[in-house]
Amino acid sequence: MEKPDQLPVTEKQVLIEKALEDLVTLFEDWSDEVPKEILRGRGEYKVRVNWWSTVTAWLYVIKEKELIEEKGLTTRIEGFLGTYSGRDYWKKGRKRTTKEDIAIANSVLKDVIAHLKRWS
């Protein structure tokens, strides 16, 4: 009989570990600062579309793969995705990202990371 630490790793476990790795990096290593100028590909700031695209992509995967069991957190993720994803939100001419937008994203990320850490 195999010992528990020798059991094959499931797809869900692999996905949780990868999501955690990426989300922690996005949460901790990218700046909350809102520069006055538009960055155009410079720096790791949470105002950048690439940051938002990656965050929303991970949250979509987490929701679709049912990696979150807490209904309240799932509802928050769905609300976040409804607000911050899709072509209409990211079209040219939209408002610039605000400190409030970043605070909302950070709050969701913090809770998702804490939840996933319980299963890693």
PDB file of N, CA and C in Angstrom:
ATOM      1  N   MET A   1       0.845  -1.190   0.000  1.00  0.00           N
ATOM      2  CA  MET A   1       0.000   0.000   0.000  1.00  0.00           C
ATOM      3  C   MET A   1       0.886   1.247   0.000  1.00  0.00           C
ATOM      4  N   GLU A   2       0.480   2.251  -0.802  1.00  0.00           N
ATOM      5  CA  GLU A   2       1.257   3.480  -0.888  1.00  0.00           C
ATOM      6  C   GLU A   2       1.007   4.363   0.330  1.00  0.00           C
ATOM      7  N   LYS A   3       2.046   5.054   0.736  1.00  0.00           N
ATOM      8  CA  LYS A   3       1.901   6.035   1.804  1.00  0.00           C
ATOM      9  C   LYS A   3       1.218   7.275   1.227  1.00  0.00           C
ATOM     10  N   PRO A   4       0.494   8.037   2.056  1.00  0.00           N
ATOM     11  CA  PRO A   4      -0.216   9.219   1.548  1.00  0.00           C
ATOM     12  C   PRO A   4       0.672  10.193   0.787  1.00  0.00           C
ATOM     13  N   ASP A   5       1.922  10.376   1.236  1.00  0.00           N
ATOM     14  CA  ASP A   5       2.794  11.329   0.547  1.00  0.00           C
ATOM     15  C   ASP A   5       3.303  10.796  -0.786  1.00  0.00           C
ATOM     16  N   GLN A   6       2.999   9.542  -1.110  1.00  0.00           N
ATOM     17  CA  GLN A   6       3.430   8.948  -2.367  1.00  0.00           C
ATOM     18  C   GLN A   6       2.263   8.782  -3.340  1.00  0.00           C
ATOM     19  N   LEU A   7       1.079   9.216  -2.947  1.00  0.00           N
ATOM     20  CA  LEU A   7      -0.080   9.091  -3.815  1.00  0.00           C
ATOM     21  C   LEU A   7       0.051  10.047  -4.991  1.00  0.00           C
ATOM     22  N   PRO A   8      -0.529   9.663  -6.138  1.00  0.00           N
ATOM     23  CA  PRO A   8      -0.477  10.563  -7.296  1.00  0.00           C
ATOM     24  C   PRO A   8      -1.180  11.880  -6.997  1.00  0.00           C
ATOM     25  N   VAL A   9      -0.650  12.943  -7.533  1.00  0.00           N
ATOM     26  CA  VAL A   9      -1.217  14.271  -7.346  1.00  0.00           C
ATOM     27  C   VAL A   9      -2.400  14.415  -8.306  1.00  0.00           C
ATOM     28  N   THR A  10      -3.504  14.908  -7.804  1.00  0.00           N
ATOM     29  CA  THR A  10      -4.680  15.070  -8.652  1.00  0.00           C
ATOM     30  C   THR A  10      -4.598  16.357  -9.469  1.00  0.00           C
ATOM     31  N   GLU A  11      -5.383  16.406 -10.532  1.00  0.00           N
ATOM     32  CA  GLU A  11      -5.441  17.603 -11.369  1.00  0.00           C
ATOM     33  C   GLU A  11      -5.880  18.811 -10.546  1.00  0.00           C
ATOM     34  N   LYS A  12      -6.824  18.597  -9.640  1.00  0.00           N
ATOM     35  CA  LYS A  12      -7.311  19.688  -8.797  1.00  0.00           C
ATOM     36  C   LYS A  12      -6.198  20.227  -7.911  1.00  0.00           C
ATOM     37  N   GLN A  13      -5.397  19.355  -7.333  1.00  0.00           N
ATOM     38  CA  GLN A  13      -4.288  19.798  -6.484  1.00  0.00           C
ATOM     39  C   GLN A  13      -3.272  20.596  -7.288  1.00  0.00           C
ATOM     40  N   VAL A  14      -2.966  20.117  -8.482  1.00  0.00           N
ATOM     41  CA  VAL A  14      -2.019  20.828  -9.349  1.00  0.00           C
ATOM     42  C   VAL A  14      -2.561  22.209  -9.695  1.00  0.00           C
ATOM     43  N   LEU A  15      -3.838  22.279 -10.021  1.00  0.00           N
ATOM     44  CA  LEU A  15      -4.464  23.549 -10.370  1.00  0.00           C
ATOM     45  C   LEU A  15      -4.460  24.508  -9.185  1.00  0.00           C
ATOM     46  N   ILE A  16      -4.764  24.020  -8.007  1.00  0.00           N
ATOM     47  CA  ILE A  16      -4.745  24.860  -6.803  1.00  0.00           C
ATOM     48  C   ILE A  16      -3.343  25.409  -6.561  1.00  0.00           C
ATOM     49  N   GLU A  17      -2.326  24.566  -6.667  1.00  0.00           N
ATOM     50  CA  GLU A  17      -0.941  25.014  -6.442  1.00  0.00           C
ATOM     51  C   GLU A  17      -0.525  26.077  -7.452  1.00  0.00           C
ATOM     52  N   LYS A  18      -0.872  25.876  -8.735  1.00  0.00           N
ATOM     53  CA  LYS A  18      -0.508  26.848  -9.770  1.00  0.00           C
ATOM     54  C   LYS A  18      -1.274  28.161  -9.567  1.00  0.00           C
ATOM     55  N   ALA A  19      -2.566  28.044  -9.242  1.00  0.00           N
ATOM     56  CA  ALA A  19      -3.360  29.246  -8.990  1.00  0.00           C
ATOM     57  C   ALA A  19      -2.780  30.030  -7.817  1.00  0.00           C
ATOM     58  N   LEU A  20      -2.454  29.328  -6.751  1.00  0.00           N
ATOM     59  CA  LEU A  20      -1.861  29.991  -5.581  1.00  0.00           C
ATOM     60  C   LEU A  20      -0.559  30.692  -5.941  1.00  0.00           C
ATOM     61  N   GLU A  21       0.297  30.008  -6.654  1.00  0.00           N
ATOM     62  CA  GLU A  21       1.595  30.588  -7.041  1.00  0.00           C
ATOM     63  C   GLU A  21       1.381  31.890  -7.820  1.00  0.00           C
ATOM     64  N   ASP A  22       0.515  31.841  -8.818  1.00  0.00           N
ATOM     65  CA  ASP A  22       0.282  33.024  -9.648  1.00  0.00           C
ATOM     66  C   ASP A  22      -0.450  34.128  -8.882  1.00  0.00           C
ATOM     67  N   LEU A  23      -1.486  33.763  -8.135  1.00  0.00           N
ATOM     68  CA  LEU A  23      -2.268  34.775  -7.434  1.00  0.00           C
ATOM     69  C   LEU A  23      -1.476  35.463  -6.321  1.00  0.00           C
ATOM     70  N   VAL A  24      -0.647  34.713  -5.623  1.00  0.00           N
ATOM     71  CA  VAL A  24       0.203  35.328  -4.585  1.00  0.00           C
ATOM     72  C   VAL A  24       1.168  36.316  -5.232  1.00  0.00           C
ATOM     73  N   THR A  25       1.748  35.950  -6.360  1.00  0.00           N
ATOM     74  CA  THR A  25       2.644  36.864  -7.071  1.00  0.00           C
ATOM     75  C   THR A  25       1.897  38.119  -7.502  1.00  0.00           C
ATOM     76  N   LEU A  26       0.723  37.949  -8.080  1.00  0.00           N
ATOM     77  CA  LEU A  26      -0.070  39.104  -8.513  1.00  0.00           C
ATOM     78  C   LEU A  26      -0.477  39.983  -7.336  1.00  0.00           C
ATOM     79  N   PHE A  27      -0.788  39.377  -6.216  1.00  0.00           N
ATOM     80  CA  PHE A  27      -1.219  40.113  -5.023  1.00  0.00           C
ATOM     81  C   PHE A  27      -0.053  40.829  -4.353  1.00  0.00           C
ATOM     82  N   GLU A  28       1.069  40.143  -4.203  1.00  0.00           N
ATOM     83  CA  GLU A  28       2.179  40.679  -3.410  1.00  0.00           C
ATOM     84  C   GLU A  28       3.221  41.459  -4.209  1.00  0.00           C
ATOM     85  N   ASP A  29       3.481  41.052  -5.441  1.00  0.00           N
ATOM     86  CA  ASP A  29       4.617  41.613  -6.173  1.00  0.00           C
ATOM     87  C   ASP A  29       4.268  42.771  -7.099  1.00  0.00           C
ATOM     88  N   TRP A  30       3.005  42.954  -7.409  1.00  0.00           N
ATOM     89  CA  TRP A  30       2.599  44.046  -8.288  1.00  0.00           C
ATOM     90  C   TRP A  30       2.184  45.238  -7.429  1.00  0.00           C
ATOM     91  N   SER A  31       2.523  46.425  -7.875  1.00  0.00           N
ATOM     92  CA  SER A  31       2.304  47.652  -7.110  1.00  0.00           C
ATOM     93  C   SER A  31       0.846  48.115  -7.138  1.00  0.00           C
ATOM     94  N   ASP A  32       0.369  48.589  -5.979  1.00  0.00           N
ATOM     95  CA  ASP A  32      -0.960  49.182  -5.867  1.00  0.00           C
ATOM     96  C   ASP A  32      -0.967  50.651  -6.312  1.00  0.00           C
ATOM     97  N   GLU A  33       0.203  51.202  -6.554  1.00  0.00           N
ATOM     98  CA  GLU A  33       0.313  52.611  -6.939  1.00  0.00           C
ATOM     99  C   GLU A  33      -0.454  52.873  -8.236  1.00  0.00           C
ATOM    100  N   VAL A  34      -1.081  54.041  -8.306  1.00  0.00           N
ATOM    101  CA  VAL A  34      -1.774  54.464  -9.529  1.00  0.00           C
ATOM    102  C   VAL A  34      -0.967  55.617 -10.121  1.00  0.00           C
ATOM    103  N   PRO A  35      -0.085  55.304 -11.078  1.00  0.00           N
ATOM    104  CA  PRO A  35       0.738  56.369 -11.670  1.00  0.00           C
ATOM    105  C   PRO A  35      -0.130  57.394 -12.407  1.00  0.00           C
ATOM    106  N   LYS A  36       0.367  58.615 -12.470  1.00  0.00           N
ATOM    107  CA  LYS A  36      -0.377  59.677 -13.156  1.00  0.00           C
ATOM    108  C   LYS A  36      -0.386  59.457 -14.664  1.00  0.00           C
ATOM    109  N   GLU A  37       0.714  58.927 -15.192  1.00  0.00           N
ATOM    110  CA  GLU A  37       0.804  58.723 -16.641  1.00  0.00           C
ATOM    111  C   GLU A  37       0.353  57.301 -17.001  1.00  0.00           C
ATOM    112  N   ILE A  38      -0.086  57.131 -18.243  1.00  0.00           N
ATOM    113  CA  ILE A  38      -0.432  55.802 -18.743  1.00  0.00           C
ATOM    114  C   ILE A  38       0.881  55.079 -19.028  1.00  0.00           C
ATOM    115  N   LEU A  39       0.978  53.836 -18.596  1.00  0.00           N
ATOM    116  CA  LEU A  39       2.254  53.139 -18.573  1.00  0.00           C
ATOM    117  C   LEU A  39       2.681  52.529 -19.901  1.00  0.00           C
ATOM    118  N   ARG A  40       1.768  52.055 -20.693  1.00  0.00           N
ATOM    119  CA  ARG A  40       2.079  51.453 -21.989  1.00  0.00           C
ATOM    120  C   ARG A  40       3.165  50.379 -21.888  1.00  0.00           C
ATOM    121  N   GLY A  41       2.887  49.359 -21.097  1.00  0.00           N
ATOM    122  CA  GLY A  41       3.781  48.202 -21.037  1.00  0.00           C
ATOM    123  C   GLY A  41       4.940  48.305 -20.070  1.00  0.00           C
ATOM    124  N   ARG A  42       4.988  49.327 -19.264  1.00  0.00           N
ATOM    125  CA  ARG A  42       6.112  49.498 -18.345  1.00  0.00           C
ATOM    126  C   ARG A  42       5.697  49.199 -16.917  1.00  0.00           C
ATOM    127  N   GLY A  43       6.483  48.391 -16.239  1.00  0.00           N
ATOM    128  CA  GLY A  43       6.322  48.166 -14.807  1.00  0.00           C
ATOM    129  C   GLY A  43       5.227  47.189 -14.424  1.00  0.00           C
ATOM    130  N   GLU A  44       5.341  46.721 -13.201  1.00  0.00           N
ATOM    131  CA  GLU A  44       4.372  45.777 -12.659  1.00  0.00           C
ATOM    132  C   GLU A  44       3.431  46.523 -11.707  1.00  0.00           C
ATOM    133  N   TYR A  45       2.427  47.133 -12.299  1.00  0.00           N
ATOM    134  CA  TYR A  45       1.420  47.897 -11.569  1.00  0.00           C
ATOM    135  C   TYR A  45       0.063  47.233 -11.759  1.00  0.00           C
ATOM    136  N   LYS A  46      -0.736  47.256 -10.709  1.00  0.00           N
ATOM    137  CA  LYS A  46      -2.063  46.647 -10.791  1.00  0.00           C
ATOM    138  C   LYS A  46      -3.030  47.445 -11.658  1.00  0.00           C
ATOM    139  N   VAL A  47      -2.635  48.604 -12.111  1.00  0.00           N
ATOM    140  CA  VAL A  47      -3.486  49.374 -13.024  1.00  0.00           C
ATOM    141  C   VAL A  47      -3.411  48.819 -14.445  1.00  0.00           C
ATOM    142  N   ARG A  48      -2.441  47.990 -14.733  1.00  0.00           N
ATOM    143  CA  ARG A  48      -2.221  47.497 -16.099  1.00  0.00           C
ATOM    144  C   ARG A  48      -3.262  46.452 -16.507  1.00  0.00           C
ATOM    145  N   VAL A  49      -3.673  46.516 -17.744  1.00  0.00           N
ATOM    146  CA  VAL A  49      -4.669  45.576 -18.276  1.00  0.00           C
ATOM    147  C   VAL A  49      -4.172  44.139 -18.150  1.00  0.00           C
ATOM    148  N   ASN A  50      -2.889  43.915 -18.336  1.00  0.00           N
ATOM    149  CA  ASN A  50      -2.357  42.547 -18.219  1.00  0.00           C
ATOM    150  C   ASN A  50      -2.603  41.968 -16.826  1.00  0.00           C
ATOM    151  N   TRP A  51      -2.454  42.784 -15.798  1.00  0.00           N
ATOM    152  CA  TRP A  51      -2.705  42.312 -14.432  1.00  0.00           C
ATOM    153  C   TRP A  51      -4.166  41.918 -14.283  1.00  0.00           C
ATOM    154  N   TRP A  52      -5.074  42.792 -14.729  1.00  0.00           N
ATOM    155  CA  TRP A  52      -6.509  42.520 -14.621  1.00  0.00           C
ATOM    156  C   TRP A  52      -6.907  41.308 -15.440  1.00  0.00           C
ATOM    157  N   SER A  53      -6.343  41.168 -16.622  1.00  0.00           N
ATOM    158  CA  SER A  53      -6.665  40.018 -17.477  1.00  0.00           C
ATOM    159  C   SER A  53      -6.251  38.710 -16.813  1.00  0.00           C
ATOM    160  N   THR A  54      -5.085  38.697 -16.208  1.00  0.00           N
ATOM    161  CA  THR A  54      -4.605  37.487 -15.546  1.00  0.00           C
ATOM    162  C   THR A  54      -5.437  37.171 -14.309  1.00  0.00           C
ATOM    163  N   VAL A  55      -5.734  38.177 -13.519  1.00  0.00           N
ATOM    164  CA  VAL A  55      -6.562  37.974 -12.324  1.00  0.00           C
ATOM    165  C   VAL A  55      -7.931  37.430 -12.712  1.00  0.00           C
ATOM    166  N   THR A  56      -8.590  38.072 -13.672  1.00  0.00           N
ATOM    167  CA  THR A  56      -9.932  37.623 -14.050  1.00  0.00           C
ATOM    168  C   THR A  56      -9.895  36.241 -14.684  1.00  0.00           C
ATOM    169  N   ALA A  57      -8.844  35.934 -15.447  1.00  0.00           N
ATOM    170  CA  ALA A  57      -8.734  34.587 -16.037  1.00  0.00           C
ATOM    171  C   ALA A  57      -8.628  33.530 -14.949  1.00  0.00           C
ATOM    172  N   TRP A  58      -7.773  33.776 -13.949  1.00  0.00           N
ATOM    173  CA  TRP A  58      -7.634  32.814 -12.849  1.00  0.00           C
ATOM    174  C   TRP A  58      -8.933  32.676 -12.064  1.00  0.00           C
ATOM    175  N   LEU A  59      -9.604  33.781 -11.791  1.00  0.00           N
ATOM    176  CA  LEU A  59     -10.855  33.703 -11.041  1.00  0.00           C
ATOM    177  C   LEU A  59     -11.915  32.935 -11.828  1.00  0.00           C
ATOM    178  N   TYR A  60     -11.922  33.105 -13.136  1.00  0.00           N
ATOM    179  CA  TYR A  60     -12.857  32.344 -13.974  1.00  0.00           C
ATOM    180  C   TYR A  60     -12.553  30.843 -13.886  1.00  0.00           C
ATOM    181  N   VAL A  61     -11.287  30.476 -13.999  1.00  0.00           N
ATOM    182  CA  VAL A  61     -10.898  29.063 -13.901  1.00  0.00           C
ATOM    183  C   VAL A  61     -11.275  28.502 -12.530  1.00  0.00           C
ATOM    184  N   ILE A  62     -10.973  29.253 -11.491  1.00  0.00           N
ATOM    185  CA  ILE A  62     -11.285  28.819 -10.115  1.00  0.00           C
ATOM    186  C   ILE A  62     -12.782  28.589  -9.957  1.00  0.00           C
ATOM    187  N   LYS A  63     -13.586  29.481 -10.523  1.00  0.00           N
ATOM    188  CA  LYS A  63     -15.042  29.345 -10.442  1.00  0.00           C
ATOM    189  C   LYS A  63     -15.520  28.143 -11.259  1.00  0.00           C
ATOM    190  N   GLU A  64     -15.047  28.024 -12.494  1.00  0.00           N
ATOM    191  CA  GLU A  64     -15.503  26.951 -13.378  1.00  0.00           C
ATOM    192  C   GLU A  64     -15.076  25.560 -12.897  1.00  0.00           C
ATOM    193  N   LYS A  65     -13.896  25.474 -12.291  1.00  0.00           N
ATOM    194  CA  LYS A  65     -13.393  24.186 -11.788  1.00  0.00           C
ATOM    195  C   LYS A  65     -13.865  23.909 -10.360  1.00  0.00           C
ATOM    196  N   GLU A  66     -14.675  24.844  -9.820  1.00  0.00           N
ATOM    197  CA  GLU A  66     -15.257  24.704  -8.485  1.00  0.00           C
ATOM    198  C   GLU A  66     -14.196  24.449  -7.406  1.00  0.00           C
ATOM    199  N   LEU A  67     -13.156  25.284  -7.426  1.00  0.00           N
ATOM    200  CA  LEU A  67     -12.089  25.171  -6.436  1.00  0.00           C
ATOM    201  C   LEU A  67     -12.441  25.881  -5.134  1.00  0.00           C
ATOM    202  N   ILE A  68     -13.519  26.646  -5.138  1.00  0.00           N
ATOM    203  CA  ILE A  68     -13.983  27.356  -3.945  1.00  0.00           C
ATOM    204  C   ILE A  68     -15.291  26.723  -3.504  1.00  0.00           C
ATOM    205  N   GLU A  69     -15.343  26.305  -2.242  1.00  0.00           N
ATOM    206  CA  GLU A  69     -16.555  25.675  -1.722  1.00  0.00           C
ATOM    207  C   GLU A  69     -17.460  26.648  -0.975  1.00  0.00           C
ATOM    208  N   GLU A  70     -16.946  27.797  -0.604  1.00  0.00           N
ATOM    209  CA  GLU A  70     -17.738  28.782   0.142  1.00  0.00           C
ATOM    210  C   GLU A  70     -18.642  29.547  -0.815  1.00  0.00           C
ATOM    211  N   LYS A  71     -19.952  29.407  -0.638  1.00  0.00           N
ATOM    212  CA  LYS A  71     -20.922  30.063  -1.523  1.00  0.00           C
ATOM    213  C   LYS A  71     -20.745  31.580  -1.522  1.00  0.00           C
ATOM    214  N   GLY A  72     -20.516  32.174  -0.353  1.00  0.00           N
ATOM    215  CA  GLY A  72     -20.347  33.620  -0.284  1.00  0.00           C
ATOM    216  C   GLY A  72     -19.163  34.105  -1.100  1.00  0.00           C
ATOM    217  N   LEU A  73     -18.069  33.373  -1.059  1.00  0.00           N
ATOM    218  CA  LEU A  73     -16.877  33.751  -1.823  1.00  0.00           C
ATOM    219  C   LEU A  73     -17.108  33.522  -3.312  1.00  0.00           C
ATOM    220  N   THR A  74     -17.785  32.454  -3.656  1.00  0.00           N
ATOM    221  CA  THR A  74     -18.115  32.205  -5.067  1.00  0.00           C
ATOM    222  C   THR A  74     -18.978  33.339  -5.614  1.00  0.00           C
ATOM    223  N   THR A  75     -19.920  33.797  -4.818  1.00  0.00           N
ATOM    224  CA  THR A  75     -20.784  34.912  -5.227  1.00  0.00           C
ATOM    225  C   THR A  75     -19.962  36.182  -5.421  1.00  0.00           C
ATOM    226  N   ARG A  76     -19.005  36.434  -4.540  1.00  0.00           N
ATOM    227  CA  ARG A  76     -18.112  37.611  -4.691  1.00  0.00           C
ATOM    228  C   ARG A  76     -17.299  37.520  -5.973  1.00  0.00           C
ATOM    229  N   ILE A  77     -16.786  36.310  -6.266  1.00  0.00           N
ATOM    230  CA  ILE A  77     -16.013  36.105  -7.495  1.00  0.00           C
ATOM    231  C   ILE A  77     -16.891  36.390  -8.710  1.00  0.00           C
ATOM    232  N   GLU A  78     -18.098  35.874  -8.708  1.00  0.00           N
ATOM    233  CA  GLU A  78     -19.016  36.104  -9.826  1.00  0.00           C
ATOM    234  C   GLU A  78     -19.308  37.591  -9.995  1.00  0.00           C
ATOM    235  N   GLY A  79     -19.525  38.299  -8.895  1.00  0.00           N
ATOM    236  CA  GLY A  79     -19.755  39.737  -8.963  1.00  0.00           C
ATOM    237  C   GLY A  79     -18.554  40.489  -9.505  1.00  0.00           C
ATOM    238  N   PHE A  80     -17.374  40.090  -9.042  1.00  0.00           N
ATOM    239  CA  PHE A  80     -16.131  40.709  -9.509  1.00  0.00           C
ATOM    240  C   PHE A  80     -15.985  40.502 -11.017  1.00  0.00           C
ATOM    241  N   LEU A  81     -16.191  39.262 -11.462  1.00  0.00           N
ATOM    242  CA  LEU A  81     -16.067  38.964 -12.886  1.00  0.00           C
ATOM    243  C   LEU A  81     -17.108  39.718 -13.702  1.00  0.00           C
ATOM    244  N   GLY A  82     -18.307  39.875 -13.147  1.00  0.00           N
ATOM    245  CA  GLY A  82     -19.341  40.623 -13.845  1.00  0.00           C
ATOM    246  C   GLY A  82     -18.982  42.087 -14.033  1.00  0.00           C
ATOM    247  N   THR A  83     -18.223  42.623 -13.100  1.00  0.00           N
ATOM    248  CA  THR A  83     -17.825  44.029 -13.163  1.00  0.00           C
ATOM    249  C   THR A  83     -16.543  44.241 -13.951  1.00  0.00           C
ATOM    250  N   TYR A  84     -15.539  43.385 -13.726  1.00  0.00           N
ATOM    251  CA  TYR A  84     -14.193  43.658 -14.231  1.00  0.00           C
ATOM    252  C   TYR A  84     -13.726  42.771 -15.382  1.00  0.00           C
ATOM    253  N   SER A  85     -14.615  42.044 -16.000  1.00  0.00           N
ATOM    254  CA  SER A  85     -14.181  41.264 -17.160  1.00  0.00           C
ATOM    255  C   SER A  85     -15.096  41.552 -18.337  1.00  0.00           C
ATOM    256  N   GLY A  86     -14.668  41.158 -19.485  1.00  0.00           N
ATOM    257  CA  GLY A  86     -15.463  41.380 -20.688  1.00  0.00           C
ATOM    258  C   GLY A  86     -14.943  42.541 -21.513  1.00  0.00           C
ATOM    259  N   ARG A  87     -15.282  42.498 -22.777  1.00  0.00           N
ATOM    260  CA  ARG A  87     -14.806  43.511 -23.723  1.00  0.00           C
ATOM    261  C   ARG A  87     -15.271  44.915 -23.387  1.00  0.00           C
ATOM    262  N   ASP A  88     -16.504  45.034 -22.950  1.00  0.00           N
ATOM    263  CA  ASP A  88     -17.028  46.373 -22.680  1.00  0.00           C
ATOM    264  C   ASP A  88     -16.227  47.082 -21.595  1.00  0.00           C
ATOM    265  N   TYR A  89     -15.819  46.346 -20.574  1.00  0.00           N
ATOM    266  CA  TYR A  89     -15.060  46.986 -19.500  1.00  0.00           C
ATOM    267  C   TYR A  89     -13.693  47.459 -19.985  1.00  0.00           C
ATOM    268  N   TRP A  90     -13.050  46.686 -20.842  1.00  0.00           N
ATOM    269  CA  TRP A  90     -11.681  47.004 -21.236  1.00  0.00           C
ATOM    270  C   TRP A  90     -11.566  47.756 -22.554  1.00  0.00           C
ATOM    271  N   LYS A  91     -12.680  48.187 -23.128  1.00  0.00           N
ATOM    272  CA  LYS A  91     -12.608  48.897 -24.405  1.00  0.00           C
ATOM    273  C   LYS A  91     -11.899  50.236 -24.240  1.00  0.00           C
ATOM    274  N   LYS A  92     -11.366  50.709 -25.338  1.00  0.00           N
ATOM    275  CA  LYS A  92     -10.672  52.004 -25.310  1.00  0.00           C
ATOM    276  C   LYS A  92     -11.641  53.102 -24.908  1.00  0.00           C
ATOM    277  N   GLY A  93     -11.127  54.060 -24.170  1.00  0.00           N
ATOM    278  CA  GLY A  93     -11.940  55.180 -23.753  1.00  0.00           C
ATOM    279  C   GLY A  93     -12.627  54.973 -22.413  1.00  0.00           C
ATOM    280  N   ARG A  94     -12.469  53.796 -21.813  1.00  0.00           N
ATOM    281  CA  ARG A  94     -13.090  53.557 -20.509  1.00  0.00           C
ATOM    282  C   ARG A  94     -12.347  54.361 -19.448  1.00  0.00           C
ATOM    283  N   LYS A  95     -12.925  54.419 -18.271  1.00  0.00           N
ATOM    284  CA  LYS A  95     -12.265  55.140 -17.186  1.00  0.00           C
ATOM    285  C   LYS A  95     -10.964  54.437 -16.802  1.00  0.00           C
ATOM    286  N   ARG A  96     -10.070  55.182 -16.226  1.00  0.00           N
ATOM    287  CA  ARG A  96      -8.825  54.585 -15.754  1.00  0.00           C
ATOM    288  C   ARG A  96      -9.056  53.833 -14.449  1.00  0.00           C
ATOM    289  N   THR A  97      -8.204  52.863 -14.180  1.00  0.00           N
ATOM    290  CA  THR A  97      -8.288  52.080 -12.947  1.00  0.00           C
ATOM    291  C   THR A  97      -8.025  52.989 -11.756  1.00  0.00           C
ATOM    292  N   THR A  98      -8.827  52.825 -10.704  1.00  0.00           N
ATOM    293  CA  THR A  98      -8.720  53.665  -9.511  1.00  0.00           C
ATOM    294  C   THR A  98      -8.169  52.856  -8.338  1.00  0.00           C
ATOM    295  N   LYS A  99      -7.808  53.569  -7.282  1.00  0.00           N
ATOM    296  CA  LYS A  99      -7.394  52.907  -6.044  1.00  0.00           C
ATOM    297  C   LYS A  99      -8.519  52.029  -5.499  1.00  0.00           C
ATOM    298  N   GLU A 100      -9.758  52.468  -5.691  1.00  0.00           N
ATOM    299  CA  GLU A 100     -10.910  51.689  -5.225  1.00  0.00           C
ATOM    300  C   GLU A 100     -11.022  50.367  -5.994  1.00  0.00           C
ATOM    301  N   ASP A 101     -10.800  50.417  -7.315  1.00  0.00           N
ATOM    302  CA  ASP A 101     -10.808  49.185  -8.117  1.00  0.00           C
ATOM    303  C   ASP A 101      -9.766  48.206  -7.588  1.00  0.00           C
ATOM    304  N   ILE A 102      -8.573  48.715  -7.327  1.00  0.00           N
ATOM    305  CA  ILE A 102      -7.480  47.879  -6.838  1.00  0.00           C
ATOM    306  C   ILE A 102      -7.809  47.329  -5.456  1.00  0.00           C
ATOM    307  N   ALA A 103      -8.414  48.140  -4.594  1.00  0.00           N
ATOM    308  CA  ALA A 103      -8.786  47.670  -3.255  1.00  0.00           C
ATOM    309  C   ALA A 103      -9.808  46.537  -3.340  1.00  0.00           C
ATOM    310  N   ILE A 104     -10.769  46.649  -4.241  1.00  0.00           N
ATOM    311  CA  ILE A 104     -11.757  45.584  -4.433  1.00  0.00           C
ATOM    312  C   ILE A 104     -11.071  44.312  -4.913  1.00  0.00           C
ATOM    313  N   ALA A 105     -10.198  44.448  -5.897  1.00  0.00           N
ATOM    314  CA  ALA A 105      -9.472  43.281  -6.419  1.00  0.00           C
ATOM    315  C   ALA A 105      -8.612  42.646  -5.332  1.00  0.00           C
ATOM    316  N   ASN A 106      -7.902  43.468  -4.568  1.00  0.00           N
ATOM    317  CA  ASN A 106      -7.053  42.944  -3.493  1.00  0.00           C
ATOM    318  C   ASN A 106      -7.871  42.185  -2.454  1.00  0.00           C
ATOM    319  N   SER A 107      -9.046  42.701  -2.130  1.00  0.00           N
ATOM    320  CA  SER A 107      -9.899  42.048  -1.143  1.00  0.00           C
ATOM    321  C   SER A 107     -10.344  40.662  -1.625  1.00  0.00           C
ATOM    322  N   VAL A 108     -10.757  40.580  -2.880  1.00  0.00           N
ATOM    323  CA  VAL A 108     -11.164  39.288  -3.436  1.00  0.00           C
ATOM    324  C   VAL A 108      -9.967  38.343  -3.495  1.00  0.00           C
ATOM    325  N   LEU A 109      -8.831  38.834  -3.980  1.00  0.00           N
ATOM    326  CA  LEU A 109      -7.637  37.984  -4.069  1.00  0.00           C
ATOM    327  C   LEU A 109      -7.202  37.472  -2.700  1.00  0.00           C
ATOM    328  N   LYS A 110      -7.204  38.341  -1.710  1.00  0.00           N
ATOM    329  CA  LYS A 110      -6.800  37.947  -0.356  1.00  0.00           C
ATOM    330  C   LYS A 110      -7.661  36.792   0.144  1.00  0.00           C
ATOM    331  N   ASP A 111      -8.973  36.888  -0.046  1.00  0.00           N
ATOM    332  CA  ASP A 111      -9.877  35.842   0.420  1.00  0.00           C
ATOM    333  C   ASP A 111      -9.736  34.549  -0.396  1.00  0.00           C
ATOM    334  N   VAL A 112      -9.556  34.679  -1.704  1.00  0.00           N
ATOM    335  CA  VAL A 112      -9.366  33.491  -2.548  1.00  0.00           C
ATOM    336  C   VAL A 112      -8.073  32.783  -2.169  1.00  0.00           C
ATOM    337  N   ILE A 113      -7.003  33.533  -1.996  1.00  0.00           N
ATOM    338  CA  ILE A 113      -5.715  32.943  -1.610  1.00  0.00           C
ATOM    339  C   ILE A 113      -5.849  32.225  -0.274  1.00  0.00           C
ATOM    340  N   ALA A 114      -6.478  32.863   0.701  1.00  0.00           N
ATOM    341  CA  ALA A 114      -6.643  32.229   2.020  1.00  0.00           C
ATOM    342  C   ALA A 114      -7.443  30.933   1.896  1.00  0.00           C
ATOM    343  N   HIS A 115      -8.482  30.950   1.091  1.00  0.00           N
ATOM    344  CA  HIS A 115      -9.299  29.742   0.915  1.00  0.00           C
ATOM    345  C   HIS A 115      -8.500  28.620   0.252  1.00  0.00           C
ATOM    346  N   LEU A 116      -7.771  28.954  -0.817  1.00  0.00           N
ATOM    347  CA  LEU A 116      -7.007  27.933  -1.530  1.00  0.00           C
ATOM    348  C   LEU A 116      -5.863  27.378  -0.679  1.00  0.00           C
ATOM    349  N   LYS A 117      -5.281  28.212   0.173  1.00  0.00           N
ATOM    350  CA  LYS A 117      -4.189  27.737   1.033  1.00  0.00           C
ATOM    351  C   LYS A 117      -4.648  26.627   1.969  1.00  0.00           C
ATOM    352  N   ARG A 118      -5.917  26.615   2.298  1.00  0.00           N
ATOM    353  CA  ARG A 118      -6.439  25.535   3.157  1.00  0.00           C
ATOM    354  C   ARG A 118      -6.366  24.178   2.469  1.00  0.00           C
ATOM    355  N   TRP A 119      -6.363  24.184   1.139  1.00  0.00           N
ATOM    356  CA  TRP A 119      -6.394  22.935   0.377  1.00  0.00           C
ATOM    357  C   TRP A 119      -5.054  22.593  -0.243  1.00  0.00           C
ATOM    358  N   SER A 120      -4.050  23.396  -0.036  1.00  0.00           N
ATOM    359  CA  SER A 120      -2.743  23.108  -0.648  1.00  0.00           C
ATOM    360  C   SER A 120      -1.837  22.331   0.288  1.00  0.00           C
TER     361      SER A 120
END
